[in-house]
Amino acid sequence: MGAEQQAPGPGVRARGKQRKNPTPKAGRNLPAATAVGLGMLFFVLGGLLFFPLGFVLIVTAFAIFGVWEVFRALEASGTRLPIIPVMTGTVAMPAAAYFGGTESLLFAMMLSSVAVLLWRSLEGAAGSARGIFAGVFTLAWVPFLISFALLPLHTAEVATPKGLWPDVVPPGALEVATLLLLVVSNDTFGYLVGASLGKHPMAPKISPKKTWEGFAGSIAGAMVVGVVAAVFVLDRPWWVGAVLAVGMVTAATAGDLAESMVKRELGIKDMSSILPGHGGVMDRLDSIVFASPVAFILYSAMAGA
């Protein structure tokens, strides 16, 4: 038998398998992740800039899927979440933030928490403390925090639009768009730099693949995007973009680590596999839910800049 007909050795087969594996060092199927990420960004920004009520519905849908993933993960670990009052609050909070503003969002969170307490108490004492804590925690983690992304769209002076923006895209919508771009920049630059240069883990016991090199790449990339967005999108001084970038990257990284800690506690790798290349919805929302309230605070603090 000629050399060209001989079966390849184990080393050749191993190298061939490595070349065919689409999942790189950082543990993600990059082509699928990129396609899904761009698709989500297209629909989210499209709704935000052209059909605000559609954006509210998208945020609500993401919150519902995220809460459902948390519910399934907790149930698998033996914690019974009072899903009916939690889901009711999940639907109510984004609408409260958009139509009613900050006060309505806080009231919806409080009312939902009381509903969880009463509902779980009526089901019996066994495991009630864990169920109540899990319900309030889930409400605060997912729908409450992500609803902060809708607060800049609420207009107190005029009727909040139920369809298209009446005249031009308001500054609040551009602020939310900048928030989303900075979160995407954090994830993109952190992945690119971390996958190629990452050597020093930030929190090896929680998320060993997240490195200080990736964090530095996120800061640098987000600052470029933030400065450009501040000058050309928000019509604000360049330093506003730099402050936003640092705040968004820090908050997004904290959100990512927080979700990783929850998943390690529950003994799971991803919340689900609904999004190819990304895992579950919560694996994408982990950064946004922490970044949204921080962005709201920073925008409010720098309102006069």
C-alpha atoms as a PDB file:
ATOM      1  CA  MET A   1       0.000   0.000   0.000  1.00  0.00           C
ATOM      2  CA  GLY A   2       1.387   3.414  -0.995  1.00  0.00           C
ATOM      3  CA  ALA A   3       2.034   6.185   1.486  1.00  0.00           C
ATOM      4  CA  GLU A   4      -0.834   8.223   0.112  1.00  0.00           C
ATOM      5  CA  GLN A   5      -3.228   5.364   0.918  1.00  0.00           C
ATOM      6  CA  GLN A   6      -2.108   4.763   4.487  1.00  0.00           C
ATOM      7  CA  ALA A   7      -4.484   5.680   7.279  1.00  0.00           C
ATOM      8  CA  PRO A   8      -3.411   8.812   9.136  1.00  0.00           C
ATOM      9  CA  GLY A   9      -1.836   8.363  12.522  1.00  0.00           C
ATOM     10  CA  PRO A  10      -3.440   9.433  15.808  1.00  0.00           C
ATOM     11  CA  GLY A  11      -1.592  12.767  15.853  1.00  0.00           C
ATOM     12  CA  VAL A  12      -2.773  13.637  12.332  1.00  0.00           C
ATOM     13  CA  ARG A  13      -6.368  12.720  13.198  1.00  0.00           C
ATOM     14  CA  ALA A  14      -6.195  14.842  16.355  1.00  0.00           C
ATOM     15  CA  ARG A  15      -4.883  17.831  14.446  1.00  0.00           C
ATOM     16  CA  GLY A  16      -7.606  17.370  11.839  1.00  0.00           C
ATOM     17  CA  LYS A  17     -10.264  17.364  14.526  1.00  0.00           C
ATOM     18  CA  GLN A  18      -8.819  20.539  16.004  1.00  0.00           C
ATOM     19  CA  ARG A  19      -8.999  22.309  12.646  1.00  0.00           C
ATOM     20  CA  LYS A  20     -12.660  21.322  12.258  1.00  0.00           C
ATOM     21  CA  ASN A  21     -13.663  22.441  15.729  1.00  0.00           C
ATOM     22  CA  PRO A  22     -15.404  25.837  15.418  1.00  0.00           C
ATOM     23  CA  THR A  23     -15.087  26.547  19.135  1.00  0.00           C
ATOM     24  CA  PRO A  24     -11.917  28.540  19.875  1.00  0.00           C
ATOM     25  CA  LYS A  25      -9.963  29.052  23.055  1.00  0.00           C
ATOM     26  CA  ALA A  26     -12.618  31.169  24.756  1.00  0.00           C
ATOM     27  CA  GLY A  27     -15.163  28.363  24.496  1.00  0.00           C
ATOM     28  CA  ARG A  28     -17.590  29.879  21.998  1.00  0.00           C
ATOM     29  CA  ASN A  29     -18.692  28.992  18.471  1.00  0.00           C
ATOM     30  CA  LEU A  30     -17.604  32.300  16.966  1.00  0.00           C
ATOM     31  CA  PRO A  31     -19.524  32.193  13.628  1.00  0.00           C
ATOM     32  CA  ALA A  32     -22.802  31.246  15.322  1.00  0.00           C
ATOM     33  CA  ALA A  33     -22.240  33.718  18.155  1.00  0.00           C
ATOM     34  CA  THR A  34     -21.523  36.546  15.702  1.00  0.00           C
ATOM     35  CA  ALA A  35     -24.567  35.825  13.545  1.00  0.00           C
ATOM     36  CA  VAL A  36     -26.932  35.585  16.521  1.00  0.00           C
ATOM     37  CA  GLY A  37     -25.428  38.665  18.178  1.00  0.00           C
ATOM     38  CA  LEU A  38     -25.724  40.818  15.058  1.00  0.00           C
ATOM     39  CA  GLY A  39     -29.283  39.632  14.488  1.00  0.00           C
ATOM     40  CA  MET A  40     -30.327  40.528  18.031  1.00  0.00           C
ATOM     41  CA  LEU A  41     -28.585  43.901  17.811  1.00  0.00           C
ATOM     42  CA  PHE A  42     -30.354  44.667  14.512  1.00  0.00           C
ATOM     43  CA  PHE A  43     -33.839  43.987  15.892  1.00  0.00           C
ATOM     44  CA  VAL A  44     -33.188  45.688  19.231  1.00  0.00           C
ATOM     45  CA  LEU A  45     -31.753  48.878  17.699  1.00  0.00           C
ATOM     46  CA  GLY A  46     -34.430  48.859  15.004  1.00  0.00           C
ATOM     47  CA  GLY A  47     -37.193  48.811  17.591  1.00  0.00           C
ATOM     48  CA  LEU A  48     -35.426  51.357  19.779  1.00  0.00           C
ATOM     49  CA  LEU A  49     -34.867  53.925  17.029  1.00  0.00           C
ATOM     50  CA  PHE A  50     -38.043  53.463  14.983  1.00  0.00           C
ATOM     51  CA  PHE A  51     -40.746  51.694  17.020  1.00  0.00           C
ATOM     52  CA  PRO A  52     -40.335  52.275  20.777  1.00  0.00           C
ATOM     53  CA  LEU A  53     -43.263  50.109  21.836  1.00  0.00           C
ATOM     54  CA  GLY A  54     -41.692  47.274  19.870  1.00  0.00           C
ATOM     55  CA  PHE A  55     -38.508  47.793  21.861  1.00  0.00           C
ATOM     56  CA  VAL A  56     -40.532  47.522  25.076  1.00  0.00           C
ATOM     57  CA  LEU A  57     -41.998  44.236  23.847  1.00  0.00           C
ATOM     58  CA  ILE A  58     -38.510  42.937  22.964  1.00  0.00           C
ATOM     59  CA  VAL A  59     -37.183  43.836  26.423  1.00  0.00           C
ATOM     60  CA  THR A  60     -40.204  42.167  28.025  1.00  0.00           C
ATOM     61  CA  ALA A  61     -39.695  39.028  25.938  1.00  0.00           C
ATOM     62  CA  PHE A  62     -36.028  38.822  26.920  1.00  0.00           C
ATOM     63  CA  ALA A  63     -36.983  39.259  30.579  1.00  0.00           C
ATOM     64  CA  ILE A  64     -39.605  36.499  30.344  1.00  0.00           C
ATOM     65  CA  PHE A  65     -37.158  34.053  28.762  1.00  0.00           C
ATOM     66  CA  GLY A  66     -34.486  34.999  31.296  1.00  0.00           C
ATOM     67  CA  VAL A  67     -36.808  34.445  34.263  1.00  0.00           C
ATOM     68  CA  TRP A  68     -37.938  31.129  32.795  1.00  0.00           C
ATOM     69  CA  GLU A  69     -34.326  29.981  32.547  1.00  0.00           C
ATOM     70  CA  VAL A  70     -33.676  30.975  36.160  1.00  0.00           C
ATOM     71  CA  PHE A  71     -36.876  29.176  37.207  1.00  0.00           C
ATOM     72  CA  ARG A  72     -35.807  25.941  35.483  1.00  0.00           C
ATOM     73  CA  ALA A  73     -32.288  26.127  36.932  1.00  0.00           C
ATOM     74  CA  LEU A  74     -33.557  26.718  40.464  1.00  0.00           C
ATOM     75  CA  GLU A  75     -36.162  23.977  40.157  1.00  0.00           C
ATOM     76  CA  ALA A  76     -33.486  21.516  39.075  1.00  0.00           C
ATOM     77  CA  SER A  77     -31.510  22.409  42.211  1.00  0.00           C
ATOM     78  CA  GLY A  78     -34.507  21.829  44.479  1.00  0.00           C
ATOM     79  CA  THR A  79     -35.734  25.413  44.975  1.00  0.00           C
ATOM     80  CA  ARG A  80     -39.379  25.990  44.092  1.00  0.00           C
ATOM     81  CA  LEU A  81     -39.871  29.456  42.613  1.00  0.00           C
ATOM     82  CA  PRO A  82     -43.414  30.971  42.782  1.00  0.00           C
ATOM     83  CA  ILE A  83     -43.471  31.394  39.037  1.00  0.00           C
ATOM     84  CA  ILE A  84     -46.933  32.942  38.574  1.00  0.00           C
ATOM     85  CA  PRO A  85     -46.391  36.129  40.648  1.00  0.00           C
ATOM     86  CA  VAL A  86     -42.794  36.339  39.396  1.00  0.00           C
ATOM     87  CA  MET A  87     -43.879  36.169  35.750  1.00  0.00           C
ATOM     88  CA  THR A  88     -46.663  38.677  36.405  1.00  0.00           C
ATOM     89  CA  GLY A  89     -44.118  41.114  37.817  1.00  0.00           C
ATOM     90  CA  THR A  90     -41.780  40.394  34.911  1.00  0.00           C
ATOM     91  CA  VAL A  91     -44.430  41.486  32.426  1.00  0.00           C
ATOM     92  CA  ALA A  92     -45.505  44.486  34.507  1.00  0.00           C
ATOM     93  CA  MET A  93     -42.146  46.114  35.274  1.00  0.00           C
ATOM     94  CA  PRO A  94     -40.967  47.015  31.735  1.00  0.00           C
ATOM     95  CA  ALA A  95     -44.374  48.535  30.966  1.00  0.00           C
ATOM     96  CA  ALA A  96     -44.325  50.416  34.273  1.00  0.00           C
ATOM     97  CA  ALA A  97     -40.887  51.874  33.507  1.00  0.00           C
ATOM     98  CA  TYR A  98     -41.834  52.945  29.976  1.00  0.00           C
ATOM     99  CA  PHE A  99     -45.264  54.416  30.696  1.00  0.00           C
ATOM    100  CA  GLY A 100     -44.837  55.527  34.313  1.00  0.00           C
ATOM    101  CA  GLY A 101     -41.163  56.237  34.921  1.00  0.00           C
ATOM    102  CA  THR A 102     -39.023  55.589  37.992  1.00  0.00           C
ATOM    103  CA  GLU A 103     -41.803  55.750  40.586  1.00  0.00           C
ATOM    104  CA  SER A 104     -43.969  53.274  38.695  1.00  0.00           C
ATOM    105  CA  LEU A 105     -41.067  50.855  38.299  1.00  0.00           C
ATOM    106  CA  LEU A 106     -40.284  50.950  42.023  1.00  0.00           C
ATOM    107  CA  PHE A 107     -43.971  50.463  42.865  1.00  0.00           C
ATOM    108  CA  ALA A 108     -44.211  47.489  40.476  1.00  0.00           C
ATOM    109  CA  MET A 109     -41.136  45.904  42.065  1.00  0.00           C
ATOM    110  CA  MET A 110     -42.550  46.376  45.567  1.00  0.00           C
ATOM    111  CA  LEU A 111     -45.990  45.043  44.615  1.00  0.00           C
ATOM    112  CA  SER A 112     -44.466  42.039  42.854  1.00  0.00           C
ATOM    113  CA  SER A 113     -42.340  41.217  45.906  1.00  0.00           C
ATOM    114  CA  VAL A 114     -45.376  41.356  48.186  1.00  0.00           C
ATOM    115  CA  ALA A 115     -47.271  39.113  45.750  1.00  0.00           C
ATOM    116  CA  VAL A 116     -44.422  36.570  45.877  1.00  0.00           C
ATOM    117  CA  LEU A 117     -44.487  36.646  49.691  1.00  0.00           C
ATOM    118  CA  LEU A 118     -48.242  36.126  49.910  1.00  0.00           C
ATOM    119  CA  TRP A 119     -48.405  33.519  47.145  1.00  0.00           C
ATOM    120  CA  ARG A 120     -45.623  31.377  48.584  1.00  0.00           C
ATOM    121  CA  SER A 121     -46.944  31.715  52.126  1.00  0.00           C
ATOM    122  CA  LEU A 122     -50.312  30.305  51.063  1.00  0.00           C
ATOM    123  CA  GLU A 123     -48.647  27.222  49.584  1.00  0.00           C
ATOM    124  CA  GLY A 124     -47.345  26.026  52.948  1.00  0.00           C
ATOM    125  CA  ALA A 125     -44.342  26.460  55.204  1.00  0.00           C
ATOM    126  CA  ALA A 126     -42.076  23.805  53.709  1.00  0.00           C
ATOM    127  CA  GLY A 127     -39.342  25.557  51.729  1.00  0.00           C
ATOM    128  CA  SER A 128     -41.196  28.863  51.832  1.00  0.00           C
ATOM    129  CA  ALA A 129     -38.201  30.928  52.971  1.00  0.00           C
ATOM    130  CA  ARG A 130     -36.044  29.700  50.080  1.00  0.00           C
ATOM    131  CA  GLY A 131     -38.882  30.137  47.598  1.00  0.00           C
ATOM    132  CA  ILE A 132     -39.638  33.700  48.717  1.00  0.00           C
ATOM    133  CA  PHE A 133     -35.971  34.689  48.641  1.00  0.00           C
ATOM    134  CA  ALA A 134     -35.521  33.103  45.208  1.00  0.00           C
ATOM    135  CA  GLY A 135     -38.637  34.861  43.877  1.00  0.00           C
ATOM    136  CA  VAL A 136     -37.651  38.327  45.087  1.00  0.00           C
ATOM    137  CA  PHE A 137     -34.057  37.765  43.959  1.00  0.00           C
ATOM    138  CA  THR A 138     -35.189  36.769  40.461  1.00  0.00           C
ATOM    139  CA  LEU A 139     -37.500  39.786  40.218  1.00  0.00           C
ATOM    140  CA  ALA A 140     -34.704  42.131  41.228  1.00  0.00           C
ATOM    141  CA  TRP A 141     -32.044  40.461  39.092  1.00  0.00           C
ATOM    142  CA  VAL A 142     -33.874  40.243  35.770  1.00  0.00           C
ATOM    143  CA  PRO A 143     -36.993  42.390  35.140  1.00  0.00           C
ATOM    144  CA  PHE A 144     -36.247  45.168  37.629  1.00  0.00           C
ATOM    145  CA  LEU A 145     -32.664  45.842  36.525  1.00  0.00           C
ATOM    146  CA  ILE A 146     -33.311  45.468  32.806  1.00  0.00           C
ATOM    147  CA  SER A 147     -36.282  47.866  33.042  1.00  0.00           C
ATOM    148  CA  PHE A 148     -33.798  50.663  33.768  1.00  0.00           C
ATOM    149  CA  ALA A 149     -32.977  50.519  30.057  1.00  0.00           C
ATOM    150  CA  LEU A 150     -36.538  51.759  29.396  1.00  0.00           C
ATOM    151  CA  LEU A 151     -36.524  54.675  31.844  1.00  0.00           C
ATOM    152  CA  PRO A 152     -34.736  57.084  29.435  1.00  0.00           C
ATOM    153  CA  LEU A 153     -37.587  56.489  26.964  1.00  0.00           C
ATOM    154  CA  HIS A 154     -40.254  57.660  29.386  1.00  0.00           C
ATOM    155  CA  THR A 155     -41.266  61.255  28.715  1.00  0.00           C
ATOM    156  CA  ALA A 156     -42.966  62.991  31.611  1.00  0.00           C
ATOM    157  CA  GLU A 157     -43.804  66.186  29.720  1.00  0.00           C
ATOM    158  CA  VAL A 158     -45.704  64.600  26.821  1.00  0.00           C
ATOM    159  CA  ALA A 159     -47.568  61.377  26.236  1.00  0.00           C
ATOM    160  CA  THR A 160     -45.202  58.409  25.950  1.00  0.00           C
ATOM    161  CA  PRO A 161     -45.631  57.197  22.342  1.00  0.00           C
ATOM    162  CA  LYS A 162     -47.483  53.945  21.730  1.00  0.00           C
ATOM    163  CA  GLY A 163     -46.253  53.640  18.149  1.00  0.00           C
ATOM    164  CA  LEU A 164     -43.577  55.432  16.175  1.00  0.00           C
ATOM    165  CA  TRP A 165     -41.664  58.348  17.629  1.00  0.00           C
ATOM    166  CA  PRO A 166     -43.824  61.419  16.867  1.00  0.00           C
ATOM    167  CA  ASP A 167     -41.113  63.682  15.410  1.00  0.00           C
ATOM    168  CA  VAL A 168     -37.458  62.717  15.757  1.00  0.00           C
ATOM    169  CA  VAL A 169     -35.617  60.114  17.792  1.00  0.00           C
ATOM    170  CA  PRO A 170     -35.357  61.602  21.317  1.00  0.00           C
ATOM    171  CA  PRO A 171     -32.097  61.842  23.272  1.00  0.00           C
ATOM    172  CA  GLY A 172     -33.238  59.078  25.625  1.00  0.00           C
ATOM    173  CA  ALA A 173     -33.385  56.553  22.786  1.00  0.00           C
ATOM    174  CA  LEU A 174     -29.889  57.561  21.667  1.00  0.00           C
ATOM    175  CA  GLU A 175     -28.660  57.110  25.244  1.00  0.00           C
ATOM    176  CA  VAL A 176     -30.051  53.576  25.338  1.00  0.00           C
ATOM    177  CA  ALA A 177     -28.510  52.846  21.915  1.00  0.00           C
ATOM    178  CA  THR A 178     -25.134  54.008  23.233  1.00  0.00           C
ATOM    179  CA  LEU A 179     -25.564  51.786  26.288  1.00  0.00           C
ATOM    180  CA  LEU A 180     -26.169  48.761  24.048  1.00  0.00           C
ATOM    181  CA  LEU A 181     -23.217  49.579  21.788  1.00  0.00           C
ATOM    182  CA  LEU A 182     -20.913  49.881  24.805  1.00  0.00           C
ATOM    183  CA  VAL A 183     -22.083  46.537  26.209  1.00  0.00           C
ATOM    184  CA  VAL A 184     -21.493  44.905  22.822  1.00  0.00           C
ATOM    185  CA  SER A 185     -18.070  46.587  22.645  1.00  0.00           C
ATOM    186  CA  ASN A 186     -17.209  45.240  26.089  1.00  0.00           C
ATOM    187  CA  ASP A 187     -18.081  41.712  25.035  1.00  0.00           C
ATOM    188  CA  THR A 188     -16.430  41.929  21.597  1.00  0.00           C
ATOM    189  CA  PHE A 189     -13.109  43.511  22.542  1.00  0.00           C
ATOM    190  CA  GLY A 190     -12.896  41.512  25.749  1.00  0.00           C
ATOM    191  CA  TYR A 191     -13.362  38.297  23.788  1.00  0.00           C
ATOM    192  CA  LEU A 192     -10.845  39.203  21.068  1.00  0.00           C
ATOM    193  CA  VAL A 193      -8.115  40.309  23.459  1.00  0.00           C
ATOM    194  CA  GLY A 194      -8.831  37.673  26.099  1.00  0.00           C
ATOM    195  CA  ALA A 195      -8.861  34.800  23.618  1.00  0.00           C
ATOM    196  CA  SER A 196      -5.512  35.802  22.110  1.00  0.00           C
ATOM    197  CA  LEU A 197      -3.580  37.397  24.978  1.00  0.00           C
ATOM    198  CA  GLY A 198      -5.397  36.413  28.168  1.00  0.00           C
ATOM    199  CA  LYS A 199      -3.112  34.824  30.773  1.00  0.00           C
ATOM    200  CA  HIS A 200      -4.162  36.230  34.147  1.00  0.00           C
ATOM    201  CA  PRO A 201      -7.680  35.218  35.299  1.00  0.00           C
ATOM    202  CA  MET A 202      -9.722  37.855  37.125  1.00  0.00           C
ATOM    203  CA  ALA A 203     -11.689  35.386  39.231  1.00  0.00           C
ATOM    204  CA  PRO A 204     -10.378  31.859  38.563  1.00  0.00           C
ATOM    205  CA  LYS A 205     -12.802  30.190  40.966  1.00  0.00           C
ATOM    206  CA  ILE A 206     -15.826  31.823  39.333  1.00  0.00           C
ATOM    207  CA  SER A 207     -14.959  32.439  35.674  1.00  0.00           C
ATOM    208  CA  PRO A 208     -11.480  31.122  34.757  1.00  0.00           C
ATOM    209  CA  LYS A 209     -11.734  32.293  31.133  1.00  0.00           C
ATOM    210  CA  LYS A 210     -12.264  35.958  32.056  1.00  0.00           C
ATOM    211  CA  THR A 211      -8.845  37.602  32.240  1.00  0.00           C
ATOM    212  CA  TRP A 212      -7.375  40.955  33.178  1.00  0.00           C
ATOM    213  CA  GLU A 213      -6.025  41.258  29.635  1.00  0.00           C
ATOM    214  CA  GLY A 214      -9.545  40.833  28.280  1.00  0.00           C
ATOM    215  CA  PHE A 215     -10.827  43.420  30.751  1.00  0.00           C
ATOM    216  CA  ALA A 216      -8.176  45.889  29.581  1.00  0.00           C
ATOM    217  CA  GLY A 217      -9.166  45.196  25.975  1.00  0.00           C
ATOM    218  CA  SER A 218     -12.799  45.849  26.871  1.00  0.00           C
ATOM    219  CA  ILE A 219     -11.920  49.177  28.493  1.00  0.00           C
ATOM    220  CA  ALA A 220      -9.775  50.308  25.554  1.00  0.00           C
ATOM    221  CA  GLY A 221     -12.251  49.276  22.864  1.00  0.00           C
ATOM    222  CA  ALA A 222     -15.291  50.630  24.712  1.00  0.00           C
ATOM    223  CA  MET A 223     -13.566  53.968  25.319  1.00  0.00           C
ATOM    224  CA  VAL A 224     -13.009  54.413  21.577  1.00  0.00           C
ATOM    225  CA  VAL A 225     -16.656  53.541  20.872  1.00  0.00           C
ATOM    226  CA  GLY A 226     -17.856  55.680  23.786  1.00  0.00           C
ATOM    227  CA  VAL A 227     -15.929  58.792  22.735  1.00  0.00           C
ATOM    228  CA  VAL A 228     -17.166  58.502  19.138  1.00  0.00           C
ATOM    229  CA  ALA A 229     -20.747  57.919  20.303  1.00  0.00           C
ATOM    230  CA  ALA A 230     -20.632  60.833  22.764  1.00  0.00           C
ATOM    231  CA  VAL A 231     -19.443  63.291  20.116  1.00  0.00           C
ATOM    232  CA  PHE A 232     -21.388  62.134  17.067  1.00  0.00           C
ATOM    233  CA  VAL A 233     -24.495  60.457  18.534  1.00  0.00           C
ATOM    234  CA  LEU A 234     -25.181  62.129  21.879  1.00  0.00           C
ATOM    235  CA  ASP A 235     -23.680  65.528  20.986  1.00  0.00           C
ATOM    236  CA  ARG A 236     -21.871  65.587  24.337  1.00  0.00           C
ATOM    237  CA  PRO A 237     -18.217  66.211  25.322  1.00  0.00           C
ATOM    238  CA  TRP A 238     -15.770  63.411  24.570  1.00  0.00           C
ATOM    239  CA  TRP A 239     -15.073  62.729  28.232  1.00  0.00           C
ATOM    240  CA  VAL A 240     -18.725  61.761  28.738  1.00  0.00           C
ATOM    241  CA  GLY A 241     -18.102  58.823  26.421  1.00  0.00           C
ATOM    242  CA  ALA A 242     -14.976  57.846  28.346  1.00  0.00           C
ATOM    243  CA  VAL A 243     -16.826  57.901  31.671  1.00  0.00           C
ATOM    244  CA  LEU A 244     -19.684  55.877  30.194  1.00  0.00           C
ATOM    245  CA  ALA A 245     -17.257  53.339  28.758  1.00  0.00           C
ATOM    246  CA  VAL A 246     -15.506  52.736  32.079  1.00  0.00           C
ATOM    247  CA  GLY A 247     -18.830  52.523  33.908  1.00  0.00           C
ATOM    248  CA  MET A 248     -20.406  50.168  31.368  1.00  0.00           C
ATOM    249  CA  VAL A 249     -17.421  47.818  31.175  1.00  0.00           C
ATOM    250  CA  THR A 250     -17.131  47.648  34.956  1.00  0.00           C
ATOM    251  CA  ALA A 251     -20.856  47.014  35.416  1.00  0.00           C
ATOM    252  CA  ALA A 252     -21.024  44.516  32.547  1.00  0.00           C
ATOM    253  CA  THR A 253     -18.042  42.586  33.913  1.00  0.00           C
ATOM    254  CA  ALA A 254     -19.617  42.508  37.373  1.00  0.00           C
ATOM    255  CA  GLY A 255     -22.843  41.215  35.849  1.00  0.00           C
ATOM    256  CA  ASP A 256     -20.998  38.503  33.962  1.00  0.00           C
ATOM    257  CA  LEU A 257     -19.148  37.381  37.081  1.00  0.00           C
ATOM    258  CA  ALA A 258     -22.353  37.460  39.133  1.00  0.00           C
ATOM    259  CA  GLU A 259     -24.121  35.150  36.683  1.00  0.00           C
ATOM    260  CA  SER A 260     -21.086  32.853  36.557  1.00  0.00           C
ATOM    261  CA  MET A 261     -21.202  32.625  40.352  1.00  0.00           C
ATOM    262  CA  VAL A 262     -24.907  31.725  40.261  1.00  0.00           C
ATOM    263  CA  LYS A 263     -24.318  29.065  37.595  1.00  0.00           C
ATOM    264  CA  ARG A 264     -21.444  27.544  39.553  1.00  0.00           C
ATOM    265  CA  GLU A 265     -23.627  27.446  42.653  1.00  0.00           C
ATOM    266  CA  LEU A 266     -26.336  25.660  40.644  1.00  0.00           C
ATOM    267  CA  GLY A 267     -23.825  23.373  38.925  1.00  0.00           C
ATOM    268  CA  ILE A 268     -24.637  24.346  35.320  1.00  0.00           C
ATOM    269  CA  LYS A 269     -22.530  25.664  32.435  1.00  0.00           C
ATOM    270  CA  ASP A 270     -25.193  27.688  30.571  1.00  0.00           C
ATOM    271  CA  MET A 271     -28.688  28.744  31.564  1.00  0.00           C
ATOM    272  CA  SER A 272     -29.982  27.078  28.388  1.00  0.00           C
ATOM    273  CA  SER A 273     -29.025  26.498  24.744  1.00  0.00           C
ATOM    274  CA  ILE A 274     -31.697  28.632  23.091  1.00  0.00           C
ATOM    275  CA  LEU A 275     -29.156  31.000  21.466  1.00  0.00           C
ATOM    276  CA  PRO A 276     -26.545  29.199  19.323  1.00  0.00           C
ATOM    277  CA  GLY A 277     -23.023  30.234  20.254  1.00  0.00           C
ATOM    278  CA  HIS A 278     -24.234  32.155  23.300  1.00  0.00           C
ATOM    279  CA  GLY A 279     -26.035  29.667  25.531  1.00  0.00           C
ATOM    280  CA  GLY A 280     -29.182  31.002  27.138  1.00  0.00           C
ATOM    281  CA  VAL A 281     -30.874  34.381  27.179  1.00  0.00           C
ATOM    282  CA  MET A 282     -29.470  35.091  30.648  1.00  0.00           C
ATOM    283  CA  ASP A 283     -25.991  34.406  29.287  1.00  0.00           C
ATOM    284  CA  ARG A 284     -26.536  37.502  27.103  1.00  0.00           C
ATOM    285  CA  LEU A 285     -28.514  39.578  29.599  1.00  0.00           C
ATOM    286  CA  ASP A 286     -25.998  39.162  32.424  1.00  0.00           C
ATOM    287  CA  SER A 287     -24.037  42.228  31.296  1.00  0.00           C
ATOM    288  CA  ILE A 288     -27.020  44.375  30.336  1.00  0.00           C
ATOM    289  CA  VAL A 289     -28.961  43.929  33.582  1.00  0.00           C
ATOM    290  CA  PHE A 290     -26.064  45.376  35.589  1.00  0.00           C
ATOM    291  CA  ALA A 291     -25.109  48.007  33.019  1.00  0.00           C
ATOM    292  CA  SER A 292     -28.625  49.450  32.614  1.00  0.00           C
ATOM    293  CA  PRO A 293     -29.020  50.983  36.108  1.00  0.00           C
ATOM    294  CA  VAL A 294     -25.407  52.197  36.070  1.00  0.00           C
ATOM    295  CA  ALA A 295     -26.024  53.901  32.718  1.00  0.00           C
ATOM    296  CA  PHE A 296     -29.203  55.501  34.060  1.00  0.00           C
ATOM    297  CA  ILE A 297     -27.304  56.868  37.068  1.00  0.00           C
ATOM    298  CA  LEU A 298     -24.401  58.159  34.947  1.00  0.00           C
ATOM    299  CA  TYR A 299     -26.685  59.820  32.425  1.00  0.00           C
ATOM    300  CA  SER A 300     -28.583  61.499  35.255  1.00  0.00           C
ATOM    301  CA  ALA A 301     -25.374  62.639  36.971  1.00  0.00           C
ATOM    302  CA  MET A 302     -23.934  64.078  33.732  1.00  0.00           C
ATOM    303  CA  ALA A 303     -27.197  65.612  32.497  1.00  0.00           C
ATOM    304  CA  GLY A 304     -25.743  69.131  32.510  1.00  0.00           C
ATOM    305  CA  ALA A 305     -22.519  68.249  30.693  1.00  0.00           C
END
